[in-house]
Amino acid sequence: MPKVIAEKKHRIHNEVQKQGIVFNKDFGQHILKNPLVITSMLEKSALRPTDVVLEIGPGTGNMTVKILEKAKKVVACEIDPRLVAELQKRVQGTPYQSKLQILIGDALKSEFPFFDICIANVPYQISSPLVFKLLLHRPIFRCAVLMFQREFAQRLVAKPGDKFYCRLSINTQLLARVDMLMKVGKNNFKPPPKVESSVVRIEPRNPPPAINFTEWDGLTRIAFLRKNKTLAASFKQSSVLQMLENNYKLQASLQNQEIRPDFDIKQLVESVLQEAEASEKRARTMDLDDFMNLLYCFNKHGIHFS
């Protein structure tokens, strides 16, 4: 069998026919079919008639139509032109047609307009970058009600010491309050995904914390690389020390500050960890205040992570 035909058959085998649409698993297309789950997600978002709603991955429009009934406007971001056509056909000639704006393309590359609320059954492979794209979006939105793979949702809400506590947990919780709303079984989707799902509510902190997020992300990246090791051990790695030394020298140069001939980045890092009482701490047990204090101490001594 020629390779092209074999690949085509394999692709068709991995897709599911529904409503004349072949769902593409590469795009994470698992359509939420249970109207009770959709209704519950809308209730949890506390939609107002004046709201502009951003929906990521509207699919065939099961949730979109329900949002259009309650909101002023829906901006739907869809990567698949076939589903865009299906969605347009669904609202054509109805009062909802003028309330629906469709952004065709990759949600991670699209520029989001103003919106009050985001509601989405998120394609799981874009979960993490989408969360931070939303949380760094300005102006700040009111809340997001999002469906994720269950383990991802558990990581979003995890607290220090929990099994799922990780860099994603602390970075998200710096910027927002996150609450677990409900579990959703795989049979609520067509085609059913291989994993269970959960819905979370994300409410951005407003005003946002007065912290350079790039710096914060750089610090937590180092700390959580080996979350069970002490920070003293994590910051002893030569690659980490080299990066911090380069940043230190760059900042000194920008501020026309001389660096002493006997300057030793390793000694400075160790003294900062001691000052912050963090040498023996482990990332998996540290909370927001611990990391804020540590970042403040590093920055105070001219050590930066970006």
C-alpha atoms as a PDB file:
ATOM      1  CA  MET A   1       0.000   0.000   0.000  1.00  0.00           C
ATOM      2  CA  PRO A   2       1.495   3.414  -0.956  1.00  0.00           C
ATOM      3  CA  LYS A   3       2.625   5.455   2.059  1.00  0.00           C
ATOM      4  CA  VAL A   4       0.323   8.427   1.257  1.00  0.00           C
ATOM      5  CA  ILE A   5      -2.790   6.203   1.156  1.00  0.00           C
ATOM      6  CA  ALA A   6      -1.753   4.412   4.364  1.00  0.00           C
ATOM      7  CA  GLU A   7      -1.261   7.743   6.174  1.00  0.00           C
ATOM      8  CA  LYS A   8      -4.623   9.000   4.908  1.00  0.00           C
ATOM      9  CA  LYS A   9      -6.384   5.845   6.136  1.00  0.00           C
ATOM     10  CA  HIS A  10      -4.645   6.164   9.504  1.00  0.00           C
ATOM     11  CA  ARG A  11      -5.792   9.782   9.785  1.00  0.00           C
ATOM     12  CA  ILE A  12      -9.368   8.875   8.909  1.00  0.00           C
ATOM     13  CA  HIS A  13      -9.243   6.022  11.443  1.00  0.00           C
ATOM     14  CA  ASN A  14      -8.252   8.522  14.147  1.00  0.00           C
ATOM     15  CA  GLU A  15     -11.141  10.882  13.403  1.00  0.00           C
ATOM     16  CA  VAL A  16     -14.820  10.614  14.201  1.00  0.00           C
ATOM     17  CA  GLN A  17     -17.776  11.498  11.948  1.00  0.00           C
ATOM     18  CA  LYS A  18     -20.534  13.613  13.534  1.00  0.00           C
ATOM     19  CA  GLN A  19     -23.067  16.075  12.067  1.00  0.00           C
ATOM     20  CA  GLY A  20     -21.271  15.857   8.722  1.00  0.00           C
ATOM     21  CA  ILE A  21     -18.050  17.082  10.424  1.00  0.00           C
ATOM     22  CA  VAL A  22     -14.930  14.954  10.819  1.00  0.00           C
ATOM     23  CA  PHE A  23     -13.505  16.036  14.161  1.00  0.00           C
ATOM     24  CA  ASN A  24      -9.766  16.585  14.128  1.00  0.00           C
ATOM     25  CA  LYS A  25      -8.048  15.172  17.228  1.00  0.00           C
ATOM     26  CA  ASP A  26      -4.890  17.155  16.358  1.00  0.00           C
ATOM     27  CA  PHE A  27      -6.888  20.260  17.333  1.00  0.00           C
ATOM     28  CA  GLY A  28      -8.189  18.592  20.511  1.00  0.00           C
ATOM     29  CA  GLN A  29     -11.718  18.610  19.099  1.00  0.00           C
ATOM     30  CA  HIS A  30     -13.892  16.902  21.708  1.00  0.00           C
ATOM     31  CA  ILE A  31     -17.321  18.502  21.496  1.00  0.00           C
ATOM     32  CA  LEU A  32     -19.160  18.972  24.800  1.00  0.00           C
ATOM     33  CA  LYS A  33     -22.578  17.434  24.164  1.00  0.00           C
ATOM     34  CA  ASN A  34     -24.231  17.406  27.622  1.00  0.00           C
ATOM     35  CA  PRO A  35     -26.531  20.470  27.915  1.00  0.00           C
ATOM     36  CA  LEU A  36     -26.564  20.172  31.731  1.00  0.00           C
ATOM     37  CA  VAL A  37     -22.781  20.695  31.892  1.00  0.00           C
ATOM     38  CA  ILE A  38     -23.074  23.689  29.549  1.00  0.00           C
ATOM     39  CA  THR A  39     -25.866  25.204  31.657  1.00  0.00           C
ATOM     40  CA  SER A  40     -23.866  24.691  34.853  1.00  0.00           C
ATOM     41  CA  MET A  41     -20.750  26.355  33.374  1.00  0.00           C
ATOM     42  CA  LEU A  42     -22.826  29.376  32.354  1.00  0.00           C
ATOM     43  CA  GLU A  43     -24.418  29.620  35.796  1.00  0.00           C
ATOM     44  CA  LYS A  44     -21.000  29.509  37.495  1.00  0.00           C
ATOM     45  CA  SER A  45     -19.785  32.383  35.304  1.00  0.00           C
ATOM     46  CA  ALA A  46     -22.607  34.673  36.565  1.00  0.00           C
ATOM     47  CA  LEU A  47     -23.167  36.103  33.092  1.00  0.00           C
ATOM     48  CA  ARG A  48     -24.745  39.538  32.762  1.00  0.00           C
ATOM     49  CA  PRO A  49     -26.784  40.808  29.767  1.00  0.00           C
ATOM     50  CA  THR A  50     -24.122  43.520  29.224  1.00  0.00           C
ATOM     51  CA  ASP A  51     -21.169  41.090  29.046  1.00  0.00           C
ATOM     52  CA  VAL A  52     -18.838  40.504  26.119  1.00  0.00           C
ATOM     53  CA  VAL A  53     -17.818  36.828  26.279  1.00  0.00           C
ATOM     54  CA  LEU A  54     -14.676  35.266  24.791  1.00  0.00           C
ATOM     55  CA  GLU A  55     -15.086  31.599  23.856  1.00  0.00           C
ATOM     56  CA  ILE A  56     -12.057  29.514  22.835  1.00  0.00           C
ATOM     57  CA  GLY A  57     -12.776  26.566  20.537  1.00  0.00           C
ATOM     58  CA  PRO A  58     -16.565  26.903  20.072  1.00  0.00           C
ATOM     59  CA  GLY A  59     -16.730  23.735  17.942  1.00  0.00           C
ATOM     60  CA  THR A  60     -20.218  23.255  16.496  1.00  0.00           C
ATOM     61  CA  GLY A  61     -21.639  25.970  18.771  1.00  0.00           C
ATOM     62  CA  ASN A  62     -23.481  23.993  21.478  1.00  0.00           C
ATOM     63  CA  MET A  63     -22.188  26.339  24.193  1.00  0.00           C
ATOM     64  CA  THR A  64     -21.981  29.406  21.921  1.00  0.00           C
ATOM     65  CA  VAL A  65     -25.723  29.473  21.297  1.00  0.00           C
ATOM     66  CA  LYS A  66     -26.458  29.234  25.027  1.00  0.00           C
ATOM     67  CA  ILE A  67     -24.062  32.129  25.754  1.00  0.00           C
ATOM     68  CA  LEU A  68     -25.636  34.218  22.972  1.00  0.00           C
ATOM     69  CA  GLU A  69     -29.003  33.853  24.737  1.00  0.00           C
ATOM     70  CA  LYS A  70     -27.613  35.562  27.846  1.00  0.00           C
ATOM     71  CA  ALA A  71     -24.786  37.910  26.787  1.00  0.00           C
ATOM     72  CA  LYS A  72     -24.468  41.128  24.793  1.00  0.00           C
ATOM     73  CA  LYS A  73     -21.852  39.673  22.436  1.00  0.00           C
ATOM     74  CA  VAL A  74     -19.716  36.545  21.905  1.00  0.00           C
ATOM     75  CA  VAL A  75     -16.235  36.604  20.402  1.00  0.00           C
ATOM     76  CA  ALA A  76     -15.516  33.001  19.360  1.00  0.00           C
ATOM     77  CA  CYS A  77     -11.947  31.990  18.497  1.00  0.00           C
ATOM     78  CA  GLU A  78     -11.845  28.915  16.220  1.00  0.00           C
ATOM     79  CA  ILE A  79      -8.871  27.419  14.351  1.00  0.00           C
ATOM     80  CA  ASP A  80     -10.844  25.074  12.065  1.00  0.00           C
ATOM     81  CA  PRO A  81     -12.515  26.802   9.062  1.00  0.00           C
ATOM     82  CA  ARG A  82     -15.002  23.897   8.727  1.00  0.00           C
ATOM     83  CA  LEU A  83     -16.329  24.500  12.233  1.00  0.00           C
ATOM     84  CA  VAL A  84     -16.426  28.254  11.571  1.00  0.00           C
ATOM     85  CA  ALA A  85     -18.754  27.551   8.617  1.00  0.00           C
ATOM     86  CA  GLU A  86     -20.883  25.272  10.823  1.00  0.00           C
ATOM     87  CA  LEU A  87     -21.141  27.956  13.510  1.00  0.00           C
ATOM     88  CA  GLN A  88     -22.041  30.678  10.992  1.00  0.00           C
ATOM     89  CA  LYS A  89     -24.707  28.409   9.478  1.00  0.00           C
ATOM     90  CA  ARG A  90     -26.152  27.733  12.939  1.00  0.00           C
ATOM     91  CA  VAL A  91     -26.807  31.425  13.739  1.00  0.00           C
ATOM     92  CA  GLN A  92     -27.635  32.590  10.208  1.00  0.00           C
ATOM     93  CA  GLY A  93     -31.012  34.312  10.045  1.00  0.00           C
ATOM     94  CA  THR A  94     -31.409  34.319  13.842  1.00  0.00           C
ATOM     95  CA  PRO A  95     -31.274  37.312  16.248  1.00  0.00           C
ATOM     96  CA  TYR A  96     -27.886  35.954  17.398  1.00  0.00           C
ATOM     97  CA  GLN A  97     -26.135  36.525  14.065  1.00  0.00           C
ATOM     98  CA  SER A  98     -25.295  40.173  14.818  1.00  0.00           C
ATOM     99  CA  LYS A  99     -24.088  39.293  18.356  1.00  0.00           C
ATOM    100  CA  LEU A 100     -21.461  36.759  17.198  1.00  0.00           C
ATOM    101  CA  GLN A 101     -17.947  37.725  16.123  1.00  0.00           C
ATOM    102  CA  ILE A 102     -15.667  34.892  14.962  1.00  0.00           C
ATOM    103  CA  LEU A 103     -11.854  35.078  15.118  1.00  0.00           C
ATOM    104  CA  ILE A 104     -10.464  32.482  12.710  1.00  0.00           C
ATOM    105  CA  GLY A 105      -7.057  31.171  13.748  1.00  0.00           C
ATOM    106  CA  ASP A 106      -4.877  29.855  16.564  1.00  0.00           C
ATOM    107  CA  ALA A 107      -6.040  31.244  19.931  1.00  0.00           C
ATOM    108  CA  LEU A 108      -2.424  31.486  21.123  1.00  0.00           C
ATOM    109  CA  LYS A 109      -1.508  33.683  18.142  1.00  0.00           C
ATOM    110  CA  SER A 110      -4.735  35.699  17.962  1.00  0.00           C
ATOM    111  CA  GLU A 111      -5.004  39.131  19.536  1.00  0.00           C
ATOM    112  CA  PHE A 112      -7.922  39.008  21.938  1.00  0.00           C
ATOM    113  CA  PRO A 113     -10.219  42.038  21.967  1.00  0.00           C
ATOM    114  CA  PHE A 114     -11.805  43.423  25.139  1.00  0.00           C
ATOM    115  CA  PHE A 115     -13.959  40.873  26.973  1.00  0.00           C
ATOM    116  CA  ASP A 116     -15.630  40.600  30.399  1.00  0.00           C
ATOM    117  CA  ILE A 117     -15.721  36.810  30.764  1.00  0.00           C
ATOM    118  CA  CYS A 118     -14.043  33.830  29.103  1.00  0.00           C
ATOM    119  CA  ILE A 119     -15.933  30.537  28.887  1.00  0.00           C
ATOM    120  CA  ALA A 120     -14.318  27.607  27.124  1.00  0.00           C
ATOM    121  CA  ASN A 121     -13.971  23.887  26.704  1.00  0.00           C
ATOM    122  CA  VAL A 122     -10.215  24.309  26.205  1.00  0.00           C
ATOM    123  CA  PRO A 123      -8.281  22.151  23.696  1.00  0.00           C
ATOM    124  CA  TYR A 124      -6.062  20.400  26.252  1.00  0.00           C
ATOM    125  CA  GLN A 125      -2.768  20.785  24.396  1.00  0.00           C
ATOM    126  CA  ILE A 126      -2.917  24.609  24.723  1.00  0.00           C
ATOM    127  CA  SER A 127      -4.051  24.683  28.380  1.00  0.00           C
ATOM    128  CA  SER A 128      -0.943  26.149  30.040  1.00  0.00           C
ATOM    129  CA  PRO A 129      -0.010  28.846  27.480  1.00  0.00           C
ATOM    130  CA  LEU A 130      -3.673  29.867  27.194  1.00  0.00           C
ATOM    131  CA  VAL A 131      -4.033  30.372  30.963  1.00  0.00           C
ATOM    132  CA  PHE A 132      -1.104  32.796  31.020  1.00  0.00           C
ATOM    133  CA  LYS A 133      -2.156  34.544  27.805  1.00  0.00           C
ATOM    134  CA  LEU A 134      -5.502  35.229  29.495  1.00  0.00           C
ATOM    135  CA  LEU A 135      -4.009  36.288  32.842  1.00  0.00           C
ATOM    136  CA  LEU A 136      -1.551  38.702  31.204  1.00  0.00           C
ATOM    137  CA  HIS A 137      -4.296  40.167  28.959  1.00  0.00           C
ATOM    138  CA  ARG A 138      -5.186  43.816  29.538  1.00  0.00           C
ATOM    139  CA  PRO A 139      -7.628  45.224  30.430  1.00  0.00           C
ATOM    140  CA  ILE A 140      -8.264  42.627  33.131  1.00  0.00           C
ATOM    141  CA  PHE A 141     -11.398  40.513  32.615  1.00  0.00           C
ATOM    142  CA  ARG A 142     -13.826  39.607  35.402  1.00  0.00           C
ATOM    143  CA  CYS A 143     -13.527  35.829  35.421  1.00  0.00           C
ATOM    144  CA  ALA A 144     -12.998  32.710  33.297  1.00  0.00           C
ATOM    145  CA  VAL A 145     -14.854  29.396  33.559  1.00  0.00           C
ATOM    146  CA  LEU A 146     -12.697  26.823  31.784  1.00  0.00           C
ATOM    147  CA  MET A 147     -12.801  23.077  31.161  1.00  0.00           C
ATOM    148  CA  PHE A 148      -9.425  21.321  31.456  1.00  0.00           C
ATOM    149  CA  GLN A 149      -7.984  17.844  31.703  1.00  0.00           C
ATOM    150  CA  ARG A 150      -8.541  16.883  35.369  1.00  0.00           C
ATOM    151  CA  GLU A 151      -4.875  16.573  36.326  1.00  0.00           C
ATOM    152  CA  PHE A 152      -4.143  20.013  34.849  1.00  0.00           C
ATOM    153  CA  ALA A 153      -7.038  21.480  36.848  1.00  0.00           C
ATOM    154  CA  GLN A 154      -5.699  19.824  40.019  1.00  0.00           C
ATOM    155  CA  ARG A 155      -2.313  21.441  39.426  1.00  0.00           C
ATOM    156  CA  LEU A 156      -3.952  24.864  39.003  1.00  0.00           C
ATOM    157  CA  VAL A 157      -5.599  24.726  42.443  1.00  0.00           C
ATOM    158  CA  ALA A 158      -2.899  22.774  44.357  1.00  0.00           C
ATOM    159  CA  LYS A 159      -1.511  24.238  47.597  1.00  0.00           C
ATOM    160  CA  PRO A 160       2.031  23.976  49.058  1.00  0.00           C
ATOM    161  CA  GLY A 161       2.748  20.388  50.086  1.00  0.00           C
ATOM    162  CA  ASP A 162       0.077  18.889  47.806  1.00  0.00           C
ATOM    163  CA  LYS A 163       1.008  16.121  45.374  1.00  0.00           C
ATOM    164  CA  PHE A 164       0.114  18.274  42.346  1.00  0.00           C
ATOM    165  CA  TYR A 165       1.760  21.507  43.613  1.00  0.00           C
ATOM    166  CA  CYS A 166       4.156  22.803  40.961  1.00  0.00           C
ATOM    167  CA  ARG A 167       5.344  25.897  39.109  1.00  0.00           C
ATOM    168  CA  LEU A 168       2.007  26.125  37.287  1.00  0.00           C
ATOM    169  CA  SER A 169       0.226  26.314  40.668  1.00  0.00           C
ATOM    170  CA  ILE A 170       2.298  29.150  42.133  1.00  0.00           C
ATOM    171  CA  ASN A 171       2.490  31.153  38.885  1.00  0.00           C
ATOM    172  CA  THR A 172      -1.277  31.000  38.357  1.00  0.00           C
ATOM    173  CA  GLN A 173      -2.110  31.755  41.975  1.00  0.00           C
ATOM    174  CA  LEU A 174       0.166  34.817  41.923  1.00  0.00           C
ATOM    175  CA  LEU A 175      -2.068  36.327  39.249  1.00  0.00           C
ATOM    176  CA  ALA A 176      -5.489  34.889  40.121  1.00  0.00           C
ATOM    177  CA  ARG A 177      -7.760  33.125  42.542  1.00  0.00           C
ATOM    178  CA  VAL A 178      -8.548  29.632  41.212  1.00  0.00           C
ATOM    179  CA  ASP A 179     -11.431  27.409  42.359  1.00  0.00           C
ATOM    180  CA  MET A 180     -12.392  23.886  41.317  1.00  0.00           C
ATOM    181  CA  LEU A 181     -16.061  23.853  40.264  1.00  0.00           C
ATOM    182  CA  MET A 182     -16.954  20.357  39.064  1.00  0.00           C
ATOM    183  CA  LYS A 183     -15.787  17.085  37.566  1.00  0.00           C
ATOM    184  CA  VAL A 184     -16.916  16.140  34.050  1.00  0.00           C
ATOM    185  CA  GLY A 185     -16.736  12.532  32.870  1.00  0.00           C
ATOM    186  CA  LYS A 186     -15.372  11.627  29.420  1.00  0.00           C
ATOM    187  CA  ASN A 187     -18.796  10.405  28.202  1.00  0.00           C
ATOM    188  CA  ASN A 188     -20.050  14.010  28.147  1.00  0.00           C
ATOM    189  CA  PHE A 189     -17.981  14.573  24.987  1.00  0.00           C
ATOM    190  CA  LYS A 190     -18.152  13.449  21.369  1.00  0.00           C
ATOM    191  CA  PRO A 191     -15.788  11.767  20.688  1.00  0.00           C
ATOM    192  CA  PRO A 192     -14.933  10.834  24.319  1.00  0.00           C
ATOM    193  CA  PRO A 193     -11.368  11.926  25.284  1.00  0.00           C
ATOM    194  CA  LYS A 194      -9.017   9.469  26.955  1.00  0.00           C
ATOM    195  CA  VAL A 195      -8.966  11.471  30.197  1.00  0.00           C
ATOM    196  CA  GLU A 196     -11.452  12.859  32.711  1.00  0.00           C
ATOM    197  CA  SER A 197     -12.073  16.612  32.829  1.00  0.00           C
ATOM    198  CA  SER A 198     -12.772  19.309  35.417  1.00  0.00           C
ATOM    199  CA  VAL A 199     -14.101  22.870  35.294  1.00  0.00           C
ATOM    200  CA  VAL A 200     -12.317  25.672  37.166  1.00  0.00           C
ATOM    201  CA  ARG A 201     -13.133  29.311  37.798  1.00  0.00           C
ATOM    202  CA  ILE A 202     -10.241  31.760  37.441  1.00  0.00           C
ATOM    203  CA  GLU A 203     -10.636  35.265  38.836  1.00  0.00           C
ATOM    204  CA  PRO A 204      -7.695  37.600  38.058  1.00  0.00           C
ATOM    205  CA  ARG A 205      -6.343  39.646  40.946  1.00  0.00           C
ATOM    206  CA  ASN A 206      -7.352  43.246  40.363  1.00  0.00           C
ATOM    207  CA  PRO A 207      -5.205  45.214  40.712  1.00  0.00           C
ATOM    208  CA  PRO A 208      -2.523  42.694  39.711  1.00  0.00           C
ATOM    209  CA  PRO A 209       0.449  42.212  42.064  1.00  0.00           C
ATOM    210  CA  ALA A 210       3.216  44.784  41.623  1.00  0.00           C
ATOM    211  CA  ILE A 211       5.685  42.141  40.461  1.00  0.00           C
ATOM    212  CA  ASN A 212       7.590  41.742  37.206  1.00  0.00           C
ATOM    213  CA  PHE A 213       6.089  38.445  36.028  1.00  0.00           C
ATOM    214  CA  THR A 214       9.063  37.592  33.802  1.00  0.00           C
ATOM    215  CA  GLU A 215      11.358  37.864  36.856  1.00  0.00           C
ATOM    216  CA  TRP A 216       8.952  35.822  38.970  1.00  0.00           C
ATOM    217  CA  ASP A 217       8.688  33.132  36.293  1.00  0.00           C
ATOM    218  CA  GLY A 218      12.493  32.949  36.051  1.00  0.00           C
ATOM    219  CA  LEU A 219      12.815  32.418  39.807  1.00  0.00           C
ATOM    220  CA  THR A 220      10.111  29.736  40.034  1.00  0.00           C
ATOM    221  CA  ARG A 221      11.538  27.953  36.987  1.00  0.00           C
ATOM    222  CA  ILE A 222      14.828  27.410  38.864  1.00  0.00           C
ATOM    223  CA  ALA A 223      13.165  26.561  42.181  1.00  0.00           C
ATOM    224  CA  PHE A 224      10.755  23.988  40.721  1.00  0.00           C
ATOM    225  CA  LEU A 225      13.214  22.322  38.365  1.00  0.00           C
ATOM    226  CA  ARG A 226      13.836  19.921  41.253  1.00  0.00           C
ATOM    227  CA  LYS A 227      11.014  20.815  43.639  1.00  0.00           C
ATOM    228  CA  ASN A 228      12.084  18.295  46.315  1.00  0.00           C
ATOM    229  CA  LYS A 229      15.651  19.630  46.567  1.00  0.00           C
ATOM    230  CA  THR A 230      16.611  22.521  48.835  1.00  0.00           C
ATOM    231  CA  LEU A 231      16.974  25.934  47.207  1.00  0.00           C
ATOM    232  CA  ALA A 232      20.637  25.903  48.238  1.00  0.00           C
ATOM    233  CA  ALA A 233      21.107  22.835  46.009  1.00  0.00           C
ATOM    234  CA  SER A 234      19.030  24.261  43.123  1.00  0.00           C
ATOM    235  CA  PHE A 235      21.028  27.494  43.057  1.00  0.00           C
ATOM    236  CA  LYS A 236      24.403  25.691  43.107  1.00  0.00           C
ATOM    237  CA  GLN A 237      24.019  24.487  39.516  1.00  0.00           C
ATOM    238  CA  SER A 238      26.675  25.995  37.267  1.00  0.00           C
ATOM    239  CA  SER A 239      24.178  26.848  34.495  1.00  0.00           C
ATOM    240  CA  VAL A 240      22.008  28.759  36.989  1.00  0.00           C
ATOM    241  CA  LEU A 241      24.977  30.635  38.469  1.00  0.00           C
ATOM    242  CA  GLN A 242      26.250  31.513  34.983  1.00  0.00           C
ATOM    243  CA  MET A 243      22.874  32.927  33.967  1.00  0.00           C
ATOM    244  CA  LEU A 244      22.586  34.984  37.162  1.00  0.00           C
ATOM    245  CA  GLU A 245      26.141  36.291  36.771  1.00  0.00           C
ATOM    246  CA  ASN A 246      25.440  37.366  33.183  1.00  0.00           C
ATOM    247  CA  ASN A 247      22.271  39.167  34.311  1.00  0.00           C
ATOM    248  CA  TYR A 248      24.120  40.789  37.226  1.00  0.00           C
ATOM    249  CA  LYS A 249      26.886  42.118  34.969  1.00  0.00           C
ATOM    250  CA  LEU A 250      24.366  43.370  32.401  1.00  0.00           C
ATOM    251  CA  GLN A 251      22.420  45.302  35.061  1.00  0.00           C
ATOM    252  CA  ALA A 252      25.640  46.743  36.470  1.00  0.00           C
ATOM    253  CA  SER A 253      26.687  47.841  32.980  1.00  0.00           C
ATOM    254  CA  LEU A 254      23.322  49.508  32.300  1.00  0.00           C
ATOM    255  CA  GLN A 255      23.632  51.434  35.577  1.00  0.00           C
ATOM    256  CA  ASN A 256      27.339  52.273  35.068  1.00  0.00           C
ATOM    257  CA  GLN A 257      28.294  50.404  38.209  1.00  0.00           C
ATOM    258  CA  GLU A 258      31.736  48.876  38.610  1.00  0.00           C
ATOM    259  CA  ILE A 259      32.062  45.223  39.604  1.00  0.00           C
ATOM    260  CA  ARG A 260      34.721  44.394  42.181  1.00  0.00           C
ATOM    261  CA  PRO A 261      37.572  42.185  40.925  1.00  0.00           C
ATOM    262  CA  ASP A 262      36.857  39.652  43.694  1.00  0.00           C
ATOM    263  CA  PHE A 263      33.115  39.439  42.850  1.00  0.00           C
ATOM    264  CA  ASP A 264      31.772  35.899  43.334  1.00  0.00           C
ATOM    265  CA  ILE A 265      28.187  35.225  42.221  1.00  0.00           C
ATOM    266  CA  LYS A 266      28.054  31.942  44.160  1.00  0.00           C
ATOM    267  CA  GLN A 267      28.869  33.676  47.453  1.00  0.00           C
ATOM    268  CA  LEU A 268      26.326  36.421  46.768  1.00  0.00           C
ATOM    269  CA  VAL A 269      23.558  33.906  45.948  1.00  0.00           C
ATOM    270  CA  GLU A 270      24.320  31.928  49.127  1.00  0.00           C
ATOM    271  CA  SER A 271      24.182  35.077  51.271  1.00  0.00           C
ATOM    272  CA  VAL A 272      20.848  36.124  49.710  1.00  0.00           C
ATOM    273  CA  LEU A 273      19.344  32.681  50.401  1.00  0.00           C
ATOM    274  CA  GLN A 274      20.490  32.951  54.026  1.00  0.00           C
ATOM    275  CA  GLU A 275      19.111  36.486  54.377  1.00  0.00           C
ATOM    276  CA  ALA A 276      15.747  35.284  53.036  1.00  0.00           C
ATOM    277  CA  GLU A 277      15.924  32.251  55.368  1.00  0.00           C
ATOM    278  CA  ALA A 278      15.378  30.080  52.292  1.00  0.00           C
ATOM    279  CA  SER A 279      18.537  27.957  51.960  1.00  0.00           C
ATOM    280  CA  GLU A 280      16.922  24.828  53.393  1.00  0.00           C
ATOM    281  CA  LYS A 281      13.441  25.429  51.993  1.00  0.00           C
ATOM    282  CA  ARG A 282      12.059  23.310  49.172  1.00  0.00           C
ATOM    283  CA  ALA A 283       9.869  24.707  46.396  1.00  0.00           C
ATOM    284  CA  ARG A 284       7.134  22.114  46.985  1.00  0.00           C
ATOM    285  CA  THR A 285       6.383  23.604  50.449  1.00  0.00           C
ATOM    286  CA  MET A 286       6.864  27.334  49.663  1.00  0.00           C
ATOM    287  CA  ASP A 287       3.883  29.673  49.357  1.00  0.00           C
ATOM    288  CA  LEU A 288       3.386  33.011  47.568  1.00  0.00           C
ATOM    289  CA  ASP A 289       4.822  35.062  50.447  1.00  0.00           C
ATOM    290  CA  ASP A 290       7.958  32.889  50.579  1.00  0.00           C
ATOM    291  CA  PHE A 291       8.640  33.431  46.877  1.00  0.00           C
ATOM    292  CA  MET A 292       7.817  37.146  47.018  1.00  0.00           C
ATOM    293  CA  ASN A 293      10.269  37.622  49.882  1.00  0.00           C
ATOM    294  CA  LEU A 294      12.941  35.636  48.043  1.00  0.00           C
ATOM    295  CA  LEU A 295      12.531  37.608  44.807  1.00  0.00           C
ATOM    296  CA  TYR A 296      12.669  40.889  46.742  1.00  0.00           C
ATOM    297  CA  CYS A 297      15.930  39.827  48.427  1.00  0.00           C
ATOM    298  CA  PHE A 298      17.539  38.777  45.143  1.00  0.00           C
ATOM    299  CA  ASN A 299      16.529  42.003  43.383  1.00  0.00           C
ATOM    300  CA  LYS A 300      17.689  44.127  46.346  1.00  0.00           C
ATOM    301  CA  HIS A 301      21.186  42.692  45.856  1.00  0.00           C
ATOM    302  CA  GLY A 302      21.174  43.230  42.079  1.00  0.00           C
ATOM    303  CA  ILE A 303      20.365  39.655  41.082  1.00  0.00           C
ATOM    304  CA  HIS A 304      17.739  39.393  38.344  1.00  0.00           C
ATOM    305  CA  PHE A 305      16.073  36.515  36.494  1.00  0.00           C
ATOM    306  CA  SER A 306      15.357  38.204  33.190  1.00  0.00           C
END
